[in-house]
Amino acid sequence: MSKSLWFIISYLIGFLILLKIFPTIVGSLVIALFFTILIDVIASYLEKIKISRKITAPLAAVIFYGAIVYAFYSLIPITIEESTKAFEVLKGINFNSIPGKTGEIINTLLDTAGKYLNDLIIQLAGYLASNISNYITVALLLIVASGYMAIASKRLWLSIDKFFPNSEIKSTKKFLLKTYSDLRKFVSGQIITALFVGIITWFMALILGFPYAIFLGILAGITDFIPYLGVFITAFPLILLGFTNFELIGIIKALTILITANQIETWILAPRISGGKVNLNWFLILISMFIFGQTFGVVGVLITIPLLIIFKNIWGMYIIQYLKNI
C-alpha cells in the first residue's frame, strides 16, 4: 500500500478528530477554506471580462461577503416581524363560527402560541445580544483565515513534500491537484447554479408582488450552497411573507416559487452545469449529509461533498490501483 495513502488517511482522521473536539475553530477554518476557493472562482470569472487580478480578488470578496451579511442581517428581523404579523392575521380570523368546541380550541391554541412567540422573541434577542461578540469573532476569523489561506497557498504548495516525507511525492501532488480541481469544479458549478436560483426566486417574487424580493433572491442564492437544507432556510421567510401579505393564496404563491426554482435547479441547472463536473450520486450525498451532520453539526453538512470528493479520489487513485496490483 502506498505511503502517500497512509499519510492522507492519517491527516484526514486527524482533521475529523480535531473537528469533533474543537468544532468552532476547525469548522471556521474549513468554511474559510471553502470561501477562499469560492472567492478565487468568482475572481476568475471577473478576469474573463478583462478586469485586473489585483482588482478581481478584493472585488469578489466584497461581493460575496456583502451578500452574506445582507442576507443574514435581514433574515432575523424580517422573520420576527412577519411571524408577529402572521399571528395577528390568524387572530383576526373568526374561528368561533366553527361548530362545536373546535373554534374555541383554535383560539386558545393561537393565544398560547402568541405568548410563546413573544417569549421566544425576547429570548432570541437576549441570546443574540449576549453572543454578538462571539459571532463577530467568528466572522473576523473567517475573513482573516480566508485571506491568509489565499496568500499562503503558494508557499504551502512549495513545501508540500515536508508533509509527506519518504513517500511518492509525485502521486501525492497528483492526488492533491485532482482533489483541488474537483473542488473548484464543484464550487464553480454551485456559483452558477446559485446565481440562477437567486435570479429565479427574485424575479418570481417580484412578479407575484412579494415585498423584500431582492432579499429573497439573495437569500435563495446564498443558501443554495447548503445541500438540500438551504431551500428550507429560504422557505420560512418566503411562506411567512406570502401569508401576511396575501393570506392563504400567498402560501400557494410562495410554494410555487420554491417548487419552480427547485425543479429548474434539479432538472435543468444541476444536470447541465454541475452534472459533468463532479460525478456523485445524489442518494449517497443525502445519506452522507445526514451522517456527517449528526456527527459534526452544521459544518458536517457543509463538508459532506468535499469529503465525498476526497473519498472518491482515494478510491480511484489508490485503492483500485492497489487492488489491480494484487
Protein backbone atom coordinates (compact mmCIF):
# COMPACT_ATOMS: atom_id res chain seq x y z
CA MET A 1 0.00 0.00 0.00
CA SER A 2 1.28 3.48 -0.95
CA LYS A 3 2.91 5.55 1.82
CA SER A 4 1.14 8.62 0.43
CA LEU A 5 -2.21 6.96 1.08
CA TRP A 6 -1.35 6.34 4.73
CA PHE A 7 -0.32 9.98 5.14
CA ILE A 8 -3.56 11.17 3.51
CA ILE A 9 -5.71 8.88 5.66
CA SER A 10 -3.81 9.92 8.81
CA TYR A 11 -4.29 13.63 8.07
CA LEU A 12 -7.97 13.03 7.27
CA ILE A 13 -8.58 11.13 10.52
CA GLY A 14 -6.67 13.80 12.47
CA PHE A 15 -8.80 16.50 10.86
CA LEU A 16 -12.07 14.75 11.77
CA ILE A 17 -10.90 14.26 15.37
CA LEU A 18 -9.96 17.94 15.69
CA LEU A 19 -13.28 18.93 14.14
CA LYS A 20 -15.10 16.89 16.78
CA ILE A 21 -13.01 18.29 19.68
CA PHE A 22 -12.80 21.93 18.51
CA PRO A 23 -15.87 22.33 16.25
CA THR A 24 -15.99 26.15 16.28
CA ILE A 25 -12.33 26.79 15.46
CA VAL A 26 -11.79 23.94 12.98
CA GLY A 27 -15.24 24.48 11.47
CA SER A 28 -14.44 28.17 10.91
CA LEU A 29 -11.17 27.25 9.20
CA VAL A 30 -12.96 24.73 6.96
CA ILE A 31 -15.59 27.30 5.96
CA ALA A 32 -12.80 29.84 5.41
CA LEU A 33 -11.08 27.41 3.02
CA PHE A 34 -14.35 26.94 1.14
CA PHE A 35 -14.79 30.72 0.99
CA THR A 36 -11.23 31.08 -0.31
CA ILE A 37 -11.93 28.69 -3.20
CA LEU A 38 -15.28 30.33 -3.86
CA ILE A 39 -13.82 33.85 -3.96
CA ASP A 40 -10.99 32.63 -6.20
CA VAL A 41 -13.53 31.16 -8.63
CA ILE A 42 -15.58 34.39 -8.64
CA ALA A 43 -12.37 36.34 -9.27
CA SER A 44 -11.59 34.03 -12.20
CA TYR A 45 -15.00 34.80 -13.71
CA LEU A 46 -14.37 38.54 -13.29
CA GLU A 47 -10.98 38.20 -15.01
CA LYS A 48 -12.77 36.97 -18.13
CA ILE A 49 -14.27 40.44 -18.56
CA LYS A 50 -10.76 41.94 -18.66
CA ILE A 51 -10.52 43.09 -15.03
CA SER A 52 -7.08 43.02 -13.39
CA ARG A 53 -6.38 40.25 -10.86
CA LYS A 54 -5.37 42.88 -8.31
CA ILE A 55 -8.94 44.19 -8.50
CA THR A 56 -10.91 40.97 -9.03
CA ALA A 57 -9.82 39.25 -5.79
CA PRO A 58 -10.90 42.04 -3.37
CA LEU A 59 -13.95 42.79 -5.54
CA ALA A 60 -15.02 39.13 -5.41
CA ALA A 61 -14.55 39.13 -1.61
CA VAL A 62 -16.66 42.28 -1.24
CA ILE A 63 -19.43 40.86 -3.44
CA PHE A 64 -19.56 37.53 -1.64
CA TYR A 65 -19.22 38.71 1.96
CA GLY A 66 -21.54 41.63 1.26
CA ALA A 67 -24.25 39.25 0.02
CA ILE A 68 -23.87 37.03 3.11
CA VAL A 69 -24.01 39.96 5.54
CA TYR A 70 -27.06 41.47 3.81
CA ALA A 71 -28.95 38.13 3.65
CA PHE A 72 -28.45 37.04 7.25
CA TYR A 73 -28.59 40.56 8.71
CA SER A 74 -32.07 40.91 7.15
CA LEU A 75 -33.24 37.34 7.83
CA ILE A 76 -33.84 37.56 11.59
CA PRO A 77 -35.72 40.91 11.80
CA ILE A 78 -37.86 40.12 8.74
CA THR A 79 -38.72 36.64 10.08
CA ILE A 80 -39.63 38.01 13.53
CA GLU A 81 -41.69 40.84 12.05
CA GLU A 82 -43.57 38.56 9.66
CA SER A 83 -44.14 35.89 12.35
CA THR A 84 -45.79 38.53 14.54
CA LYS A 85 -47.95 39.69 11.61
CA ALA A 86 -48.91 36.09 10.82
CA PHE A 87 -50.31 35.59 14.33
CA GLU A 88 -52.21 38.87 14.08
CA VAL A 89 -53.74 37.70 10.79
CA LEU A 90 -54.71 34.35 12.32
CA LYS A 91 -56.20 36.02 15.38
CA GLY A 92 -58.30 38.22 13.08
CA ILE A 93 -59.97 35.17 11.56
CA ASN A 94 -63.30 34.32 13.24
CA PHE A 95 -62.85 30.71 14.34
CA ASN A 96 -65.84 30.94 16.72
CA SER A 97 -68.15 30.36 13.77
CA ILE A 98 -66.85 26.78 13.56
CA PRO A 99 -69.42 24.38 15.08
CA GLY A 100 -68.71 22.73 18.42
CA LYS A 101 -65.65 23.47 20.52
CA THR A 102 -63.23 23.44 17.58
CA GLY A 103 -63.20 27.23 17.21
CA GLU A 104 -62.66 27.73 20.93
CA ILE A 105 -59.78 25.26 20.89
CA ILE A 106 -58.14 27.01 17.91
CA ASN A 107 -58.41 30.42 19.59
CA THR A 108 -56.88 29.00 22.79
CA LEU A 109 -54.03 27.49 20.78
CA LEU A 110 -53.42 30.81 18.98
CA ASP A 111 -53.34 32.73 22.28
CA THR A 112 -50.88 30.22 23.71
CA ALA A 113 -48.75 30.30 20.56
CA GLY A 114 -48.77 34.11 20.58
CA LYS A 115 -47.50 34.23 24.16
CA TYR A 116 -44.88 31.61 23.31
CA LEU A 117 -43.78 33.65 20.28
CA ASN A 118 -43.38 36.80 22.38
CA ASP A 119 -41.29 34.89 24.92
CA LEU A 120 -39.25 33.33 22.12
CA ILE A 121 -38.55 36.73 20.54
CA ILE A 122 -37.40 38.12 23.92
CA GLN A 123 -35.16 35.07 24.49
CA LEU A 124 -33.76 35.28 20.95
CA ALA A 125 -32.99 38.99 21.35
CA GLY A 126 -31.24 38.27 24.65
CA TYR A 127 -29.28 35.39 23.15
CA LEU A 128 -28.13 37.48 20.19
CA ALA A 129 -27.17 40.37 22.45
CA SER A 130 -25.12 38.12 24.76
CA ASN A 131 -23.41 36.25 21.92
CA ILE A 132 -22.88 39.06 19.43
CA SER A 133 -19.18 39.27 20.33
CA ASN A 134 -18.75 35.56 19.55
CA TYR A 135 -20.41 35.98 16.15
CA ILE A 136 -18.20 38.96 15.35
CA THR A 137 -15.12 36.97 16.41
CA VAL A 138 -16.08 34.03 14.19
CA ALA A 139 -16.84 36.37 11.27
CA LEU A 140 -13.46 38.10 11.62
CA LEU A 141 -11.76 34.71 11.91
CA LEU A 142 -13.42 33.61 8.66
CA ILE A 143 -12.32 36.74 6.81
CA VAL A 144 -8.75 36.74 8.18
CA ALA A 145 -8.34 32.97 7.69
CA SER A 146 -9.64 33.01 4.12
CA GLY A 147 -7.36 35.96 3.29
CA TYR A 148 -4.34 34.22 4.84
CA MET A 149 -5.10 30.97 3.00
CA ALA A 150 -5.28 32.83 -0.29
CA ILE A 151 -1.88 34.42 0.35
CA ALA A 152 -0.13 31.39 1.87
CA SER A 153 -1.45 28.75 -0.55
CA LYS A 154 1.51 29.04 -2.97
CA ARG A 155 4.11 28.79 -0.18
CA LEU A 156 2.26 25.82 1.28
CA TRP A 157 2.29 24.06 -2.07
CA LEU A 158 6.04 24.60 -2.49
CA SER A 159 6.70 22.93 0.87
CA ILE A 160 4.17 20.12 0.43
CA ASP A 161 6.91 17.45 0.38
CA LYS A 162 7.63 18.26 4.06
CA PHE A 163 4.18 16.97 4.98
CA PHE A 164 4.72 13.69 3.08
CA PRO A 165 8.32 12.61 3.87
CA ASN A 166 9.72 9.46 2.27
CA SER A 167 6.58 8.99 0.18
CA GLU A 168 5.72 9.05 -3.52
CA ILE A 169 5.52 12.84 -3.77
CA LYS A 170 4.52 12.81 -7.45
CA SER A 171 1.44 10.68 -6.81
CA THR A 172 0.66 12.79 -3.74
CA LYS A 173 0.76 16.01 -5.74
CA LYS A 174 -1.33 14.39 -8.44
CA PHE A 175 -3.95 13.42 -5.84
CA LEU A 176 -3.97 16.88 -4.25
CA LEU A 177 -4.22 18.65 -7.62
CA LYS A 178 -7.04 16.34 -8.70
CA THR A 179 -8.91 16.92 -5.44
CA TYR A 180 -8.45 20.69 -5.59
CA SER A 181 -9.51 20.72 -9.25
CA ASP A 182 -12.67 18.74 -8.40
CA LEU A 183 -13.43 21.14 -5.52
CA ARG A 184 -13.07 24.10 -7.87
CA LYS A 185 -15.34 22.43 -10.41
CA PHE A 186 -17.92 21.78 -7.71
CA VAL A 187 -17.72 25.37 -6.43
CA SER A 188 -17.81 26.76 -9.98
CA GLY A 189 -20.96 24.79 -10.79
CA GLN A 190 -22.54 25.81 -7.47
CA ILE A 191 -21.87 29.50 -8.09
CA ILE A 192 -23.60 29.46 -11.46
CA THR A 193 -26.48 27.34 -10.15
CA ALA A 194 -26.91 29.54 -7.04
CA LEU A 195 -26.90 32.67 -9.22
CA PHE A 196 -29.71 31.31 -11.40
CA VAL A 197 -31.71 30.11 -8.36
CA GLY A 198 -31.38 33.58 -6.81
CA ILE A 199 -32.47 35.31 -10.02
CA ILE A 200 -35.44 32.96 -10.48
CA THR A 201 -36.56 33.48 -6.87
CA TRP A 202 -36.15 37.27 -7.09
CA PHE A 203 -37.96 37.55 -10.44
CA MET A 204 -40.92 35.37 -9.41
CA ALA A 205 -41.23 37.13 -6.04
CA LEU A 206 -41.21 40.47 -7.82
CA ILE A 207 -43.80 39.38 -10.39
CA LEU A 208 -46.10 37.90 -7.72
CA GLY A 209 -45.91 41.07 -5.63
CA PHE A 210 -43.84 39.89 -2.68
CA PRO A 211 -42.07 42.55 -0.59
CA TYR A 212 -38.31 42.15 0.00
CA ALA A 213 -37.90 40.43 -3.39
CA ILE A 214 -34.19 41.30 -3.59
CA PHE A 215 -33.63 39.91 -0.09
CA LEU A 216 -35.41 36.67 -1.02
CA GLY A 217 -33.33 36.31 -4.19
CA ILE A 218 -30.02 36.87 -2.39
CA LEU A 219 -31.03 34.54 0.47
CA ALA A 220 -32.02 31.81 -2.01
CA GLY A 221 -28.70 32.17 -3.84
CA ILE A 222 -26.56 32.15 -0.69
CA THR A 223 -28.35 29.21 0.96
CA ASP A 224 -28.23 27.21 -2.28
CA PHE A 225 -24.64 26.34 -1.29
CA ILE A 226 -26.05 24.28 1.62
CA PRO A 227 -27.08 20.94 0.06
CA TYR A 228 -30.80 20.13 0.44
CA LEU A 229 -31.21 22.23 3.61
CA GLY A 230 -30.75 25.66 2.03
CA VAL A 231 -34.23 25.64 0.49
CA PHE A 232 -35.82 25.34 3.96
CA ILE A 233 -33.99 28.46 5.18
CA THR A 234 -35.46 30.41 2.26
CA ALA A 235 -38.87 28.75 2.58
CA PHE A 236 -39.59 30.02 6.10
CA PRO A 237 -39.48 33.80 5.46
CA LEU A 238 -40.94 33.34 1.95
CA ILE A 239 -44.04 31.48 3.23
CA LEU A 240 -44.43 33.98 6.09
CA LEU A 241 -44.28 36.91 3.65
CA GLY A 242 -46.80 35.18 1.41
CA PHE A 243 -49.23 34.55 4.24
CA THR A 244 -49.00 38.01 5.85
CA ASN A 245 -49.41 39.83 2.54
CA PHE A 246 -51.81 37.57 0.60
CA GLU A 247 -53.18 35.21 3.30
CA LEU A 248 -53.76 31.60 2.18
CA ILE A 249 -53.25 32.34 -1.53
CA GLY A 250 -49.85 33.76 -0.54
CA ILE A 251 -48.75 30.36 0.78
CA ILE A 252 -49.62 28.88 -2.62
CA LYS A 253 -47.61 31.67 -4.32
CA ALA A 254 -44.63 31.00 -2.03
CA LEU A 255 -44.75 27.26 -2.67
CA THR A 256 -44.98 27.96 -6.40
CA ILE A 257 -41.75 29.99 -6.24
CA LEU A 258 -39.96 27.34 -4.18
CA ILE A 259 -41.10 24.42 -6.33
CA THR A 260 -40.35 26.22 -9.60
CA ALA A 261 -36.83 27.23 -8.52
CA ASN A 262 -36.15 23.74 -7.10
CA GLN A 263 -37.40 21.90 -10.19
CA ILE A 264 -35.46 24.14 -12.59
CA GLU A 265 -32.33 23.55 -10.50
CA THR A 266 -32.91 19.78 -10.23
CA TRP A 267 -33.81 19.03 -13.86
CA ILE A 268 -32.08 21.78 -15.85
CA LEU A 269 -29.36 23.65 -13.95
CA ALA A 270 -27.74 20.86 -11.90
CA PRO A 271 -27.51 18.28 -14.72
CA ARG A 272 -26.22 20.78 -17.29
CA ILE A 273 -23.95 22.88 -15.08
CA SER A 274 -22.81 20.57 -12.27
CA GLY A 275 -23.61 17.14 -13.62
CA GLY A 276 -20.40 16.68 -15.59
CA LYS A 277 -18.20 18.48 -13.08
CA VAL A 278 -18.38 16.24 -10.00
CA ASN A 279 -19.97 12.85 -10.60
CA LEU A 280 -21.52 11.96 -7.23
CA ASN A 281 -24.73 10.03 -6.63
CA TRP A 282 -27.47 12.20 -5.09
CA PHE A 283 -28.62 9.43 -2.70
CA LEU A 284 -25.07 8.95 -1.45
CA ILE A 285 -24.82 12.72 -0.87
CA LEU A 286 -28.11 12.73 1.07
CA ILE A 287 -27.17 9.81 3.34
CA SER A 288 -23.65 11.17 3.90
CA MET A 289 -25.07 14.59 4.72
CA PHE A 290 -27.24 13.14 7.50
CA ILE A 291 -24.31 11.11 8.87
CA PHE A 292 -21.81 14.00 8.88
CA GLY A 293 -24.49 16.44 10.03
CA GLN A 294 -25.39 14.28 13.02
CA THR A 295 -21.71 13.75 13.85
CA PHE A 296 -20.29 17.25 13.30
CA GLY A 297 -23.33 19.55 13.22
CA VAL A 298 -23.85 22.26 10.59
CA VAL A 299 -20.21 22.14 9.48
CA GLY A 300 -20.67 18.42 8.80
CA VAL A 301 -23.38 19.23 6.27
CA LEU A 302 -21.16 21.81 4.56
CA ILE A 303 -18.16 19.47 4.25
CA THR A 304 -20.15 16.46 3.01
CA ILE A 305 -19.46 16.91 -0.71
CA PRO A 306 -15.76 17.89 -0.27
CA LEU A 307 -15.24 14.78 1.89
CA LEU A 308 -17.01 12.61 -0.68
CA ILE A 309 -14.72 14.07 -3.37
CA ILE A 310 -11.68 13.13 -1.24
CA PHE A 311 -13.02 9.61 -0.62
CA LYS A 312 -13.79 9.20 -4.31
CA ASN A 313 -10.26 10.22 -5.34
CA ILE A 314 -8.67 7.99 -2.67
CA TRP A 315 -10.69 5.07 -4.03
CA GLY A 316 -9.96 5.89 -7.68
CA MET A 317 -6.28 6.78 -7.41
CA TYR A 318 -5.06 4.47 -4.65
CA ILE A 319 -7.41 1.64 -3.68
CA ILE A 320 -8.29 0.50 -7.20
CA GLN A 321 -4.64 0.75 -8.25
CA TYR A 322 -3.61 -1.35 -5.24
CA LEU A 323 -6.26 -3.98 -5.99
CA LYS A 324 -5.08 -4.19 -9.59
CA ASN A 325 -1.54 -4.93 -8.45
CA ILE A 326 -2.50 -7.74 -6.09
